[in-house]
Amino acid sequence: MNLKTRKRLSLLILVVGLPLYIVAAVTLVNWMDARFGRQPILVEIVVYVGLGVLWILPLKRIFSGIGRAE
């Protein structure tokens, strides 16, 4: 995949995909609260940090080298 395509795809992911992922993460934590009762704050922090790292792993190849010149 050339650099121009990766730049456009990464912009699309950041503008559209990331907000949708954030909504899904918050919905998951709210579902956990409704299903299992209110979780301790440390559990919620671990879930949010885990999901915050998890989204980038499959997309690492797209975002690598975006800041370099062509």
N, C-alpha and C. Protein backbone atom coordinates (compact mmCIF):
# COMPACT_ATOMS: atom_id res chain seq x y z
N MET A 1 0.86 -1.17 0.00
CA MET A 1 0.00 0.00 0.00
C MET A 1 0.91 1.24 0.00
N ASN A 2 0.64 2.15 -0.91
CA ASN A 2 1.51 3.33 -0.98
C ASN A 2 1.18 4.32 0.13
N LEU A 3 2.06 5.30 0.30
CA LEU A 3 1.95 6.25 1.41
C LEU A 3 0.70 7.11 1.31
N LYS A 4 0.35 7.54 0.12
CA LYS A 4 -0.83 8.40 -0.05
C LYS A 4 -2.11 7.66 0.35
N THR A 5 -2.21 6.42 -0.01
CA THR A 5 -3.39 5.62 0.37
C THR A 5 -3.43 5.39 1.88
N ARG A 6 -2.27 5.12 2.47
CA ARG A 6 -2.22 4.92 3.92
C ARG A 6 -2.59 6.18 4.67
N LYS A 7 -2.16 7.34 4.16
CA LYS A 7 -2.52 8.61 4.81
C LYS A 7 -4.02 8.84 4.77
N ARG A 8 -4.63 8.60 3.63
CA ARG A 8 -6.08 8.79 3.51
C ARG A 8 -6.84 7.79 4.38
N LEU A 9 -6.40 6.56 4.38
CA LEU A 9 -7.06 5.54 5.19
C LEU A 9 -6.89 5.83 6.67
N SER A 10 -5.73 6.28 7.09
CA SER A 10 -5.52 6.60 8.50
C SER A 10 -6.38 7.78 8.93
N LEU A 11 -6.54 8.77 8.07
CA LEU A 11 -7.41 9.90 8.37
C LEU A 11 -8.87 9.45 8.51
N LEU A 12 -9.31 8.58 7.63
CA LEU A 12 -10.66 8.04 7.72
C LEU A 12 -10.86 7.25 9.01
N ILE A 13 -9.88 6.47 9.37
CA ILE A 13 -9.97 5.68 10.61
C ILE A 13 -10.04 6.60 11.82
N LEU A 14 -9.23 7.65 11.84
CA LEU A 14 -9.22 8.55 12.99
C LEU A 14 -10.48 9.41 13.08
N VAL A 15 -11.03 9.80 11.95
CA VAL A 15 -12.19 10.69 11.96
C VAL A 15 -13.50 9.93 12.15
N VAL A 16 -13.61 8.75 11.55
CA VAL A 16 -14.87 8.00 11.61
C VAL A 16 -14.77 6.80 12.55
N GLY A 17 -13.73 6.01 12.40
CA GLY A 17 -13.62 4.76 13.14
C GLY A 17 -13.36 4.92 14.61
N LEU A 18 -12.48 5.83 14.98
CA LEU A 18 -12.13 6.01 16.39
C LEU A 18 -13.30 6.50 17.23
N PRO A 19 -14.08 7.49 16.78
CA PRO A 19 -15.26 7.86 17.58
C PRO A 19 -16.26 6.72 17.74
N LEU A 20 -16.44 5.92 16.69
CA LEU A 20 -17.33 4.76 16.82
C LEU A 20 -16.77 3.75 17.81
N TYR A 21 -15.46 3.56 17.82
CA TYR A 21 -14.83 2.65 18.77
C TYR A 21 -14.98 3.16 20.20
N ILE A 22 -14.87 4.47 20.39
CA ILE A 22 -15.04 5.05 21.73
C ILE A 22 -16.46 4.84 22.23
N VAL A 23 -17.43 5.04 21.35
CA VAL A 23 -18.83 4.80 21.73
C VAL A 23 -19.03 3.33 22.10
N ALA A 24 -18.42 2.43 21.34
CA ALA A 24 -18.54 1.00 21.64
C ALA A 24 -17.88 0.66 22.98
N ALA A 25 -16.74 1.27 23.29
CA ALA A 25 -16.06 1.01 24.56
C ALA A 25 -16.89 1.50 25.74
N VAL A 26 -17.46 2.68 25.63
CA VAL A 26 -18.29 3.21 26.71
C VAL A 26 -19.55 2.37 26.87
N THR A 27 -20.12 1.93 25.75
CA THR A 27 -21.29 1.06 25.81
C THR A 27 -20.95 -0.26 26.50
N LEU A 28 -19.77 -0.81 26.23
CA LEU A 28 -19.35 -2.05 26.88
C LEU A 28 -19.23 -1.87 28.39
N VAL A 29 -18.64 -0.77 28.83
CA VAL A 29 -18.49 -0.54 30.27
C VAL A 29 -19.87 -0.32 30.90
N ASN A 30 -20.75 0.40 30.23
CA ASN A 30 -22.11 0.58 30.75
C ASN A 30 -22.86 -0.74 30.82
N TRP A 31 -22.65 -1.61 29.82
CA TRP A 31 -23.28 -2.93 29.84
C TRP A 31 -22.74 -3.75 31.01
N MET A 32 -21.44 -3.65 31.27
CA MET A 32 -20.86 -4.36 32.42
C MET A 32 -21.48 -3.87 33.72
N ASP A 33 -21.70 -2.56 33.83
CA ASP A 33 -22.33 -2.00 35.03
C ASP A 33 -23.76 -2.51 35.18
N ALA A 34 -24.51 -2.56 34.10
CA ALA A 34 -25.89 -3.01 34.16
C ALA A 34 -25.98 -4.51 34.43
N ARG A 35 -25.08 -5.26 33.86
CA ARG A 35 -25.13 -6.72 33.97
C ARG A 35 -24.58 -7.22 35.31
N PHE A 36 -23.46 -6.67 35.75
CA PHE A 36 -22.77 -7.18 36.94
C PHE A 36 -22.78 -6.23 38.12
N GLY A 37 -23.44 -5.10 37.99
CA GLY A 37 -23.42 -4.10 39.04
C GLY A 37 -22.25 -3.16 38.85
N ARG A 38 -22.24 -2.11 39.63
CA ARG A 38 -21.20 -1.10 39.49
C ARG A 38 -19.83 -1.70 39.80
N GLN A 39 -18.91 -1.50 38.85
CA GLN A 39 -17.56 -2.02 39.00
C GLN A 39 -16.70 -1.03 39.77
N PRO A 40 -15.70 -1.52 40.48
CA PRO A 40 -14.75 -0.59 41.12
C PRO A 40 -14.04 0.25 40.06
N ILE A 41 -13.62 1.43 40.43
CA ILE A 41 -13.01 2.36 39.47
C ILE A 41 -11.75 1.78 38.84
N LEU A 42 -11.00 0.97 39.59
CA LEU A 42 -9.79 0.37 39.02
C LEU A 42 -10.12 -0.62 37.90
N VAL A 43 -11.21 -1.34 38.03
CA VAL A 43 -11.63 -2.27 36.98
C VAL A 43 -11.99 -1.48 35.73
N GLU A 44 -12.71 -0.38 35.89
CA GLU A 44 -13.08 0.43 34.74
C GLU A 44 -11.85 1.04 34.08
N ILE A 45 -10.89 1.47 34.87
CA ILE A 45 -9.65 2.04 34.31
C ILE A 45 -8.90 0.98 33.52
N VAL A 46 -8.81 -0.23 34.06
CA VAL A 46 -8.12 -1.31 33.35
C VAL A 46 -8.83 -1.63 32.04
N VAL A 47 -10.16 -1.66 32.04
CA VAL A 47 -10.91 -1.93 30.81
C VAL A 47 -10.68 -0.82 29.80
N TYR A 48 -10.77 0.43 30.21
CA TYR A 48 -10.56 1.55 29.29
C TYR A 48 -9.13 1.57 28.73
N VAL A 49 -8.14 1.33 29.58
CA VAL A 49 -6.75 1.32 29.11
C VAL A 49 -6.53 0.14 28.17
N GLY A 50 -7.08 -1.01 28.52
CA GLY A 50 -6.95 -2.18 27.65
C GLY A 50 -7.58 -1.96 26.28
N LEU A 51 -8.78 -1.40 26.26
CA LEU A 51 -9.43 -1.11 24.99
C LEU A 51 -8.72 0.01 24.24
N GLY A 52 -8.12 0.93 24.98
CA GLY A 52 -7.37 2.01 24.34
C GLY A 52 -6.13 1.52 23.62
N VAL A 53 -5.52 0.48 24.11
CA VAL A 53 -4.36 -0.11 23.46
C VAL A 53 -4.78 -1.11 22.39
N LEU A 54 -5.87 -1.79 22.61
CA LEU A 54 -6.31 -2.86 21.71
C LEU A 54 -6.68 -2.36 20.32
N TRP A 55 -7.20 -1.16 20.19
CA TRP A 55 -7.66 -0.70 18.88
C TRP A 55 -6.51 -0.47 17.91
N ILE A 56 -5.33 -0.16 18.43
CA ILE A 56 -4.23 0.17 17.53
C ILE A 56 -3.49 -1.07 17.01
N LEU A 57 -3.58 -2.18 17.71
CA LEU A 57 -2.80 -3.36 17.31
C LEU A 57 -3.09 -3.83 15.89
N PRO A 58 -4.34 -4.00 15.47
CA PRO A 58 -4.55 -4.44 14.09
C PRO A 58 -4.28 -3.34 13.05
N LEU A 59 -4.22 -2.09 13.49
CA LEU A 59 -4.04 -0.98 12.55
C LEU A 59 -2.63 -0.41 12.55
N LYS A 60 -1.72 -1.08 13.23
CA LYS A 60 -0.35 -0.57 13.38
C LYS A 60 0.34 -0.39 12.03
N ARG A 61 0.12 -1.29 11.10
CA ARG A 61 0.79 -1.21 9.80
C ARG A 61 0.29 -0.03 8.99
N ILE A 62 -0.97 0.36 9.17
CA ILE A 62 -1.50 1.50 8.42
C ILE A 62 -0.89 2.80 8.94
N PHE A 63 -0.75 2.92 10.27
CA PHE A 63 -0.26 4.15 10.85
C PHE A 63 1.26 4.28 10.87
N SER A 64 1.98 3.22 10.58
CA SER A 64 3.44 3.30 10.62
C SER A 64 3.97 4.10 9.43
N GLY A 65 4.80 5.08 9.71
CA GLY A 65 5.42 5.86 8.66
C GLY A 65 4.58 6.97 8.08
N ILE A 66 3.46 7.29 8.68
CA ILE A 66 2.58 8.33 8.15
C ILE A 66 3.23 9.71 8.24
N GLY A 67 4.02 9.97 9.26
CA GLY A 67 4.63 11.27 9.45
C GLY A 67 5.86 11.51 8.58
N ARG A 68 6.33 10.51 7.88
CA ARG A 68 7.52 10.68 7.04
C ARG A 68 7.17 11.37 5.73
N ALA A 69 8.17 12.01 5.15
CA ALA A 69 7.98 12.61 3.83
C ALA A 69 7.96 11.52 2.76
N GLU A 70 7.37 11.85 1.63
CA GLU A 70 7.29 10.84 0.54
C GLU A 70 8.61 10.65 -0.12
